[in-house]
Amino acid sequence: MPKNDANRPVHEVRYGSVKVVIWKNETSNGHMHNVTVARIYKDGDEWKESSGFGRDDVLVLAAALEDAFKWIHAQKAA
């Protein structure tokens, strides 16, 4: 991975306001993937992110996490 891409996610799964971001980290045992989750919302004219999810977000978050899981495992199989 080029140096300028070191702090960029390698993949993002997004369903509406719910997103799962996948990061690739190099370790002494090879690379591994980590994920972060967020709900995005607009506060006035500014877009913000929250780590809190409402009742209606939970199944959407689960679907996004499942897609992230599948993507990560597809990368390992390639």
PDB file of N, CA and C in Angstrom:
ATOM      1  N   MET A   1       0.851  -1.172   0.000  1.00  0.00           N
ATOM      2  CA  MET A   1       0.000   0.000   0.000  1.00  0.00           C
ATOM      3  C   MET A   1       0.898   1.238   0.000  1.00  0.00           C
ATOM      4  N   PRO A   2       0.678   2.176  -0.916  1.00  0.00           N
ATOM      5  CA  PRO A   2       1.498   3.382  -0.949  1.00  0.00           C
ATOM      6  C   PRO A   2       1.375   4.166   0.354  1.00  0.00           C
ATOM      7  N   LYS A   3       2.428   4.885   0.681  1.00  0.00           N
ATOM      8  CA  LYS A   3       2.471   5.604   1.949  1.00  0.00           C
ATOM      9  C   LYS A   3       1.309   6.571   2.121  1.00  0.00           C
ATOM     10  N   ASN A   4       0.901   7.278   1.052  1.00  0.00           N
ATOM     11  CA  ASN A   4      -0.174   8.250   1.183  1.00  0.00           C
ATOM     12  C   ASN A   4      -1.539   7.593   1.391  1.00  0.00           C
ATOM     13  N   ASP A   5      -1.647   6.295   1.188  1.00  0.00           N
ATOM     14  CA  ASP A   5      -2.892   5.573   1.423  1.00  0.00           C
ATOM     15  C   ASP A   5      -2.912   4.880   2.783  1.00  0.00           C
ATOM     16  N   ALA A   6      -1.865   5.070   3.585  1.00  0.00           N
ATOM     17  CA  ALA A   6      -1.731   4.345   4.842  1.00  0.00           C
ATOM     18  C   ALA A   6      -2.884   4.614   5.805  1.00  0.00           C
ATOM     19  N   ASN A   7      -3.447   5.803   5.787  1.00  0.00           N
ATOM     20  CA  ASN A   7      -4.514   6.139   6.716  1.00  0.00           C
ATOM     21  C   ASN A   7      -5.885   6.169   6.055  1.00  0.00           C
ATOM     22  N   ARG A   8      -6.014   5.519   4.913  1.00  0.00           N
ATOM     23  CA  ARG A   8      -7.283   5.492   4.199  1.00  0.00           C
ATOM     24  C   ARG A   8      -7.926   4.123   4.340  1.00  0.00           C
ATOM     25  N   PRO A   9      -9.249   4.095   4.448  1.00  0.00           N
ATOM     26  CA  PRO A   9      -9.923   2.789   4.504  1.00  0.00           C
ATOM     27  C   PRO A   9      -9.778   2.058   3.178  1.00  0.00           C
ATOM     28  N   VAL A  10      -9.835   0.726   3.242  1.00  0.00           N
ATOM     29  CA  VAL A  10      -9.736  -0.072   2.029  1.00  0.00           C
ATOM     30  C   VAL A  10     -11.110  -0.412   1.465  1.00  0.00           C
ATOM     31  N   HIS A  11     -12.150  -0.258   2.280  1.00  0.00           N
ATOM     32  CA  HIS A  11     -13.503  -0.553   1.807  1.00  0.00           C
ATOM     33  C   HIS A  11     -14.510   0.062   2.766  1.00  0.00           C
ATOM     34  N   GLU A  12     -15.676   0.387   2.236  1.00  0.00           N
ATOM     35  CA  GLU A  12     -16.748   0.924   3.067  1.00  0.00           C
ATOM     36  C   GLU A  12     -18.070   0.306   2.635  1.00  0.00           C
ATOM     37  N   VAL A  13     -18.855  -0.107   3.608  1.00  0.00           N
ATOM     38  CA  VAL A  13     -20.202  -0.613   3.365  1.00  0.00           C
ATOM     39  C   VAL A  13     -21.148   0.415   3.953  1.00  0.00           C
ATOM     40  N   ARG A  14     -22.097   0.863   3.142  1.00  0.00           N
ATOM     41  CA  ARG A  14     -23.005   1.893   3.639  1.00  0.00           C
ATOM     42  C   ARG A  14     -24.430   1.579   3.223  1.00  0.00           C
ATOM     43  N   TYR A  15     -25.311   1.649   4.201  1.00  0.00           N
ATOM     44  CA  TYR A  15     -26.749   1.536   3.983  1.00  0.00           C
ATOM     45  C   TYR A  15     -27.395   2.767   4.610  1.00  0.00           C
ATOM     46  N   GLY A  16     -27.791   3.703   3.779  1.00  0.00           N
ATOM     47  CA  GLY A  16     -28.400   4.923   4.297  1.00  0.00           C
ATOM     48  C   GLY A  16     -27.441   5.652   5.211  1.00  0.00           C
ATOM     49  N   SER A  17     -27.847   5.870   6.442  1.00  0.00           N
ATOM     50  CA  SER A  17     -27.020   6.621   7.386  1.00  0.00           C
ATOM     51  C   SER A  17     -26.071   5.742   8.193  1.00  0.00           C
ATOM     52  N   VAL A  18     -26.083   4.441   7.927  1.00  0.00           N
ATOM     53  CA  VAL A  18     -25.229   3.500   8.660  1.00  0.00           C
ATOM     54  C   VAL A  18     -24.043   3.111   7.787  1.00  0.00           C
ATOM     55  N   LYS A  19     -22.851   3.188   8.352  1.00  0.00           N
ATOM     56  CA  LYS A  19     -21.682   2.769   7.570  1.00  0.00           C
ATOM     57  C   LYS A  19     -20.717   1.960   8.415  1.00  0.00           C
ATOM     58  N   VAL A  20     -20.064   1.022   7.738  1.00  0.00           N
ATOM     59  CA  VAL A  20     -18.998   0.212   8.320  1.00  0.00           C
ATOM     60  C   VAL A  20     -17.769   0.456   7.452  1.00  0.00           C
ATOM     61  N   VAL A  21     -16.691   0.888   8.077  1.00  0.00           N
ATOM     62  CA  VAL A  21     -15.463   1.202   7.354  1.00  0.00           C
ATOM     63  C   VAL A  21     -14.424   0.139   7.696  1.00  0.00           C
ATOM     64  N   ILE A  22     -13.768  -0.397   6.663  1.00  0.00           N
ATOM     65  CA  ILE A  22     -12.770  -1.454   6.838  1.00  0.00           C
ATOM     66  C   ILE A  22     -11.381  -0.861   6.613  1.00  0.00           C
ATOM     67  N   TRP A  23     -10.502  -1.140   7.566  1.00  0.00           N
ATOM     68  CA  TRP A  23      -9.128  -0.653   7.543  1.00  0.00           C
ATOM     69  C   TRP A  23      -8.176  -1.841   7.448  1.00  0.00           C
ATOM     70  N   LYS A  24      -7.113  -1.682   6.693  1.00  0.00           N
ATOM     71  CA  LYS A  24      -6.084  -2.717   6.581  1.00  0.00           C
ATOM     72  C   LYS A  24      -4.870  -2.283   7.384  1.00  0.00           C
ATOM     73  N   ASN A  25      -4.422  -3.153   8.276  1.00  0.00           N
ATOM     74  CA  ASN A  25      -3.269  -2.871   9.117  1.00  0.00           C
ATOM     75  C   ASN A  25      -2.195  -3.918   8.883  1.00  0.00           C
ATOM     76  N   GLU A  26      -0.985  -3.448   8.659  1.00  0.00           N
ATOM     77  CA  GLU A  26       0.149  -4.355   8.494  1.00  0.00           C
ATOM     78  C   GLU A  26       0.702  -4.714   9.869  1.00  0.00           C
ATOM     79  N   THR A  27       0.921  -6.000  10.087  1.00  0.00           N
ATOM     80  CA  THR A  27       1.496  -6.466  11.346  1.00  0.00           C
ATOM     81  C   THR A  27       2.700  -7.339  11.037  1.00  0.00           C
ATOM     82  N   SER A  28       3.406  -7.747  12.061  1.00  0.00           N
ATOM     83  CA  SER A  28       4.556  -8.625  11.849  1.00  0.00           C
ATOM     84  C   SER A  28       4.125  -9.990  11.348  1.00  0.00           C
ATOM     85  N   ASN A  29       2.861 -10.335  11.503  1.00  0.00           N
ATOM     86  CA  ASN A  29       2.322 -11.611  11.008  1.00  0.00           C
ATOM     87  C   ASN A  29       1.528 -11.443   9.721  1.00  0.00           C
ATOM     88  N   GLY A  30       1.734 -10.345   9.020  1.00  0.00           N
ATOM     89  CA  GLY A  30       0.979 -10.078   7.800  1.00  0.00           C
ATOM     90  C   GLY A  30      -0.094  -9.043   8.070  1.00  0.00           C
ATOM     91  N   HIS A  31      -0.998  -8.876   7.119  1.00  0.00           N
ATOM     92  CA  HIS A  31      -2.014  -7.846   7.309  1.00  0.00           C
ATOM     93  C   HIS A  31      -3.265  -8.401   7.988  1.00  0.00           C
ATOM     94  N   MET A  32      -3.963  -7.493   8.638  1.00  0.00           N
ATOM     95  CA  MET A  32      -5.236  -7.831   9.257  1.00  0.00           C
ATOM     96  C   MET A  32      -6.193  -6.674   8.989  1.00  0.00           C
ATOM     97  N   HIS A  33      -7.464  -6.937   9.143  1.00  0.00           N
ATOM     98  CA  HIS A  33      -8.472  -5.908   8.921  1.00  0.00           C
ATOM     99  C   HIS A  33      -9.194  -5.589  10.224  1.00  0.00           C
ATOM    100  N   ASN A  34      -9.495  -4.324  10.409  1.00  0.00           N
ATOM    101  CA  ASN A  34     -10.311  -3.850  11.515  1.00  0.00           C
ATOM    102  C   ASN A  34     -11.480  -3.069  10.928  1.00  0.00           C
ATOM    103  N   VAL A  35     -12.544  -2.950  11.687  1.00  0.00           N
ATOM    104  CA  VAL A  35     -13.697  -2.180  11.220  1.00  0.00           C
ATOM    105  C   VAL A  35     -14.082  -1.126  12.254  1.00  0.00           C
ATOM    106  N   THR A  36     -14.622  -0.035  11.753  1.00  0.00           N
ATOM    107  CA  THR A  36     -15.255   0.967  12.596  1.00  0.00           C
ATOM    108  C   THR A  36     -16.674   1.149  12.071  1.00  0.00           C
ATOM    109  N   VAL A  37     -17.583   1.497  12.969  1.00  0.00           N
ATOM    110  CA  VAL A  37     -18.983   1.691  12.586  1.00  0.00           C
ATOM    111  C   VAL A  37     -19.411   3.096  12.986  1.00  0.00           C
ATOM    112  N   ALA A  38     -20.327   3.653  12.215  1.00  0.00           N
ATOM    113  CA  ALA A  38     -20.828   4.997  12.517  1.00  0.00           C
ATOM    114  C   ALA A  38     -22.205   5.176  11.904  1.00  0.00           C
ATOM    115  N   ARG A  39     -22.931   6.092  12.512  1.00  0.00           N
ATOM    116  CA  ARG A  39     -24.195   6.569  11.944  1.00  0.00           C
ATOM    117  C   ARG A  39     -23.956   8.026  11.588  1.00  0.00           C
ATOM    118  N   ILE A  40     -24.227   8.381  10.348  1.00  0.00           N
ATOM    119  CA  ILE A  40     -23.992   9.757   9.933  1.00  0.00           C
ATOM    120  C   ILE A  40     -25.312  10.523   9.973  1.00  0.00           C
ATOM    121  N   TYR A  41     -25.193  11.808  10.288  1.00  0.00           N
ATOM    122  CA  TYR A  41     -26.385  12.657  10.351  1.00  0.00           C
ATOM    123  C   TYR A  41     -25.966  14.098  10.092  1.00  0.00           C
ATOM    124  N   LYS A  42     -26.954  14.897   9.740  1.00  0.00           N
ATOM    125  CA  LYS A  42     -26.689  16.300   9.446  1.00  0.00           C
ATOM    126  C   LYS A  42     -27.190  17.152  10.603  1.00  0.00           C
ATOM    127  N   ASP A  43     -26.304  18.016  11.099  1.00  0.00           N
ATOM    128  CA  ASP A  43     -26.626  18.959  12.167  1.00  0.00           C
ATOM    129  C   ASP A  43     -26.536  20.354  11.556  1.00  0.00           C
ATOM    130  N   GLY A  44     -27.683  20.891  11.153  1.00  0.00           N
ATOM    131  CA  GLY A  44     -27.674  22.149  10.402  1.00  0.00           C
ATOM    132  C   GLY A  44     -27.099  21.907   9.026  1.00  0.00           C
ATOM    133  N   ASP A  45     -26.016  22.586   8.696  1.00  0.00           N
ATOM    134  CA  ASP A  45     -25.338  22.397   7.407  1.00  0.00           C
ATOM    135  C   ASP A  45     -24.152  21.459   7.502  1.00  0.00           C
ATOM    136  N   GLU A  46     -23.873  20.956   8.695  1.00  0.00           N
ATOM    137  CA  GLU A  46     -22.667  20.154   8.923  1.00  0.00           C
ATOM    138  C   GLU A  46     -23.002  18.670   9.081  1.00  0.00           C
ATOM    139  N   TRP A  47     -22.229  17.822   8.372  1.00  0.00           N
ATOM    140  CA  TRP A  47     -22.370  16.375   8.526  1.00  0.00           C
ATOM    141  C   TRP A  47     -21.541  15.921   9.717  1.00  0.00           C
ATOM    142  N   LYS A  48     -22.119  15.043  10.542  1.00  0.00           N
ATOM    143  CA  LYS A  48     -21.432  14.530  11.725  1.00  0.00           C
ATOM    144  C   LYS A  48     -21.591  13.016  11.780  1.00  0.00           C
ATOM    145  N   GLU A  49     -20.813  12.393  12.660  1.00  0.00           N
ATOM    146  CA  GLU A  49     -20.894  10.944  12.866  1.00  0.00           C
ATOM    147  C   GLU A  49     -21.145  10.658  14.333  1.00  0.00           C
ATOM    148  N   SER A  50     -21.865   9.578  14.575  1.00  0.00           N
ATOM    149  CA  SER A  50     -22.145   9.137  15.936  1.00  0.00           C
ATOM    150  C   SER A  50     -21.869   7.647  16.036  1.00  0.00           C
ATOM    151  N   SER A  51     -21.464   7.215  17.220  1.00  0.00           N
ATOM    152  CA  SER A  51     -21.287   5.777  17.455  1.00  0.00           C
ATOM    153  C   SER A  51     -22.543   5.183  18.096  1.00  0.00           C
ATOM    154  N   GLY A  52     -23.571   6.002  18.276  1.00  0.00           N
ATOM    155  CA  GLY A  52     -24.831   5.521  18.838  1.00  0.00           C
ATOM    156  C   GLY A  52     -25.811   5.166  17.734  1.00  0.00           C
ATOM    157  N   PHE A  53     -26.572   4.111  17.959  1.00  0.00           N
ATOM    158  CA  PHE A  53     -27.531   3.639  16.964  1.00  0.00           C
ATOM    159  C   PHE A  53     -28.895   3.476  17.608  1.00  0.00           C
ATOM    160  N   GLY A  54     -29.931   3.849  16.878  1.00  0.00           N
ATOM    161  CA  GLY A  54     -31.292   3.689  17.366  1.00  0.00           C
ATOM    162  C   GLY A  54     -31.843   2.319  17.030  1.00  0.00           C
ATOM    163  N   ARG A  55     -33.019   2.043  17.549  1.00  0.00           N
ATOM    164  CA  ARG A  55     -33.682   0.756  17.327  1.00  0.00           C
ATOM    165  C   ARG A  55     -33.776   0.423  15.838  1.00  0.00           C
ATOM    166  N   ASP A  56     -34.138   1.410  15.019  1.00  0.00           N
ATOM    167  CA  ASP A  56     -34.314   1.153  13.591  1.00  0.00           C
ATOM    168  C   ASP A  56     -32.995   0.975  12.849  1.00  0.00           C
ATOM    169  N   ASP A  57     -31.887   1.302  13.490  1.00  0.00           N
ATOM    170  CA  ASP A  57     -30.562   1.143  12.869  1.00  0.00           C
ATOM    171  C   ASP A  57     -29.954  -0.229  13.103  1.00  0.00           C
ATOM    172  N   VAL A  58     -30.430  -0.954  14.093  1.00  0.00           N
ATOM    173  CA  VAL A  58     -29.741  -2.167  14.546  1.00  0.00           C
ATOM    174  C   VAL A  58     -29.674  -3.242  13.457  1.00  0.00           C
ATOM    175  N   LEU A  59     -30.774  -3.541  12.802  1.00  0.00           N
ATOM    176  CA  LEU A  59     -30.739  -4.571  11.753  1.00  0.00           C
ATOM    177  C   LEU A  59     -29.967  -4.101  10.529  1.00  0.00           C
ATOM    178  N   VAL A  60     -30.033  -2.809  10.235  1.00  0.00           N
ATOM    179  CA  VAL A  60     -29.259  -2.253   9.123  1.00  0.00           C
ATOM    180  C   VAL A  60     -27.767  -2.374   9.433  1.00  0.00           C
ATOM    181  N   LEU A  61     -27.391  -2.077  10.668  1.00  0.00           N
ATOM    182  CA  LEU A  61     -25.995  -2.222  11.084  1.00  0.00           C
ATOM    183  C   LEU A  61     -25.557  -3.677  10.987  1.00  0.00           C
ATOM    184  N   ALA A  62     -26.426  -4.595  11.397  1.00  0.00           N
ATOM    185  CA  ALA A  62     -26.091  -6.022  11.311  1.00  0.00           C
ATOM    186  C   ALA A  62     -25.844  -6.438   9.863  1.00  0.00           C
ATOM    187  N   ALA A  63     -26.672  -5.951   8.939  1.00  0.00           N
ATOM    188  CA  ALA A  63     -26.486  -6.282   7.518  1.00  0.00           C
ATOM    189  C   ALA A  63     -25.173  -5.711   6.994  1.00  0.00           C
ATOM    190  N   ALA A  64     -24.856  -4.484   7.377  1.00  0.00           N
ATOM    191  CA  ALA A  64     -23.608  -3.863   6.934  1.00  0.00           C
ATOM    192  C   ALA A  64     -22.400  -4.604   7.502  1.00  0.00           C
ATOM    193  N   LEU A  65     -22.481  -5.020   8.765  1.00  0.00           N
ATOM    194  CA  LEU A  65     -21.387  -5.790   9.364  1.00  0.00           C
ATOM    195  C   LEU A  65     -21.222  -7.149   8.688  1.00  0.00           C
ATOM    196  N   GLU A  66     -22.332  -7.784   8.317  1.00  0.00           N
ATOM    197  CA  GLU A  66     -22.240  -9.068   7.610  1.00  0.00           C
ATOM    198  C   GLU A  66     -21.559  -8.886   6.263  1.00  0.00           C
ATOM    199  N   ASP A  67     -21.913  -7.819   5.541  1.00  0.00           N
ATOM    200  CA  ASP A  67     -21.261  -7.554   4.258  1.00  0.00           C
ATOM    201  C   ASP A  67     -19.772  -7.276   4.445  1.00  0.00           C
ATOM    202  N   ALA A  68     -19.415  -6.558   5.500  1.00  0.00           N
ATOM    203  CA  ALA A  68     -18.000  -6.292   5.787  1.00  0.00           C
ATOM    204  C   ALA A  68     -17.268  -7.592   6.091  1.00  0.00           C
ATOM    205  N   PHE A  69     -17.895  -8.453   6.866  1.00  0.00           N
ATOM    206  CA  PHE A  69     -17.323  -9.765   7.195  1.00  0.00           C
ATOM    207  C   PHE A  69     -17.045 -10.562   5.924  1.00  0.00           C
ATOM    208  N   LYS A  70     -18.017 -10.588   5.016  1.00  0.00           N
ATOM    209  CA  LYS A  70     -17.856 -11.328   3.758  1.00  0.00           C
ATOM    210  C   LYS A  70     -16.750 -10.728   2.909  1.00  0.00           C
ATOM    211  N   TRP A  71     -16.660  -9.395   2.859  1.00  0.00           N
ATOM    212  CA  TRP A  71     -15.630  -8.740   2.066  1.00  0.00           C
ATOM    213  C   TRP A  71     -14.252  -9.075   2.602  1.00  0.00           C
ATOM    214  N   ILE A  72     -14.084  -9.011   3.921  1.00  0.00           N
ATOM    215  CA  ILE A  72     -12.790  -9.315   4.524  1.00  0.00           C
ATOM    216  C   ILE A  72     -12.380 -10.749   4.222  1.00  0.00           C
ATOM    217  N   HIS A  73     -13.306 -11.681   4.349  1.00  0.00           N
ATOM    218  CA  HIS A  73     -12.965 -13.077   4.088  1.00  0.00           C
ATOM    219  C   HIS A  73     -12.706 -13.340   2.606  1.00  0.00           C
ATOM    220  N   ALA A  74     -13.348 -12.606   1.730  1.00  0.00           N
ATOM    221  CA  ALA A  74     -13.062 -12.733   0.291  1.00  0.00           C
ATOM    222  C   ALA A  74     -11.641 -12.247  -0.009  1.00  0.00           C
ATOM    223  N   GLN A  75     -11.174 -11.224   0.712  1.00  0.00           N
ATOM    224  CA  GLN A  75      -9.813 -10.740   0.508  1.00  0.00           C
ATOM    225  C   GLN A  75      -8.798 -11.766   0.955  1.00  0.00           C
ATOM    226  N   LYS A  76      -9.090 -12.460   2.033  1.00  0.00           N
ATOM    227  CA  LYS A  76      -8.176 -13.486   2.519  1.00  0.00           C
ATOM    228  C   LYS A  76      -8.117 -14.679   1.566  1.00  0.00           C
ATOM    229  N   ALA A  77      -9.234 -14.965   0.904  1.00  0.00           N
ATOM    230  CA  ALA A  77      -9.294 -16.107  -0.011  1.00  0.00           C
ATOM    231  C   ALA A  77      -8.603 -15.794  -1.339  1.00  0.00           C
ATOM    232  N   ALA A  78      -8.486 -14.510  -1.666  1.00  0.00           N
ATOM    233  CA  ALA A  78      -7.900 -14.120  -2.967  1.00  0.00           C
ATOM    234  C   ALA A  78      -6.391 -14.272  -2.983  1.00  0.00           C
TER     235      ALA A  78
END
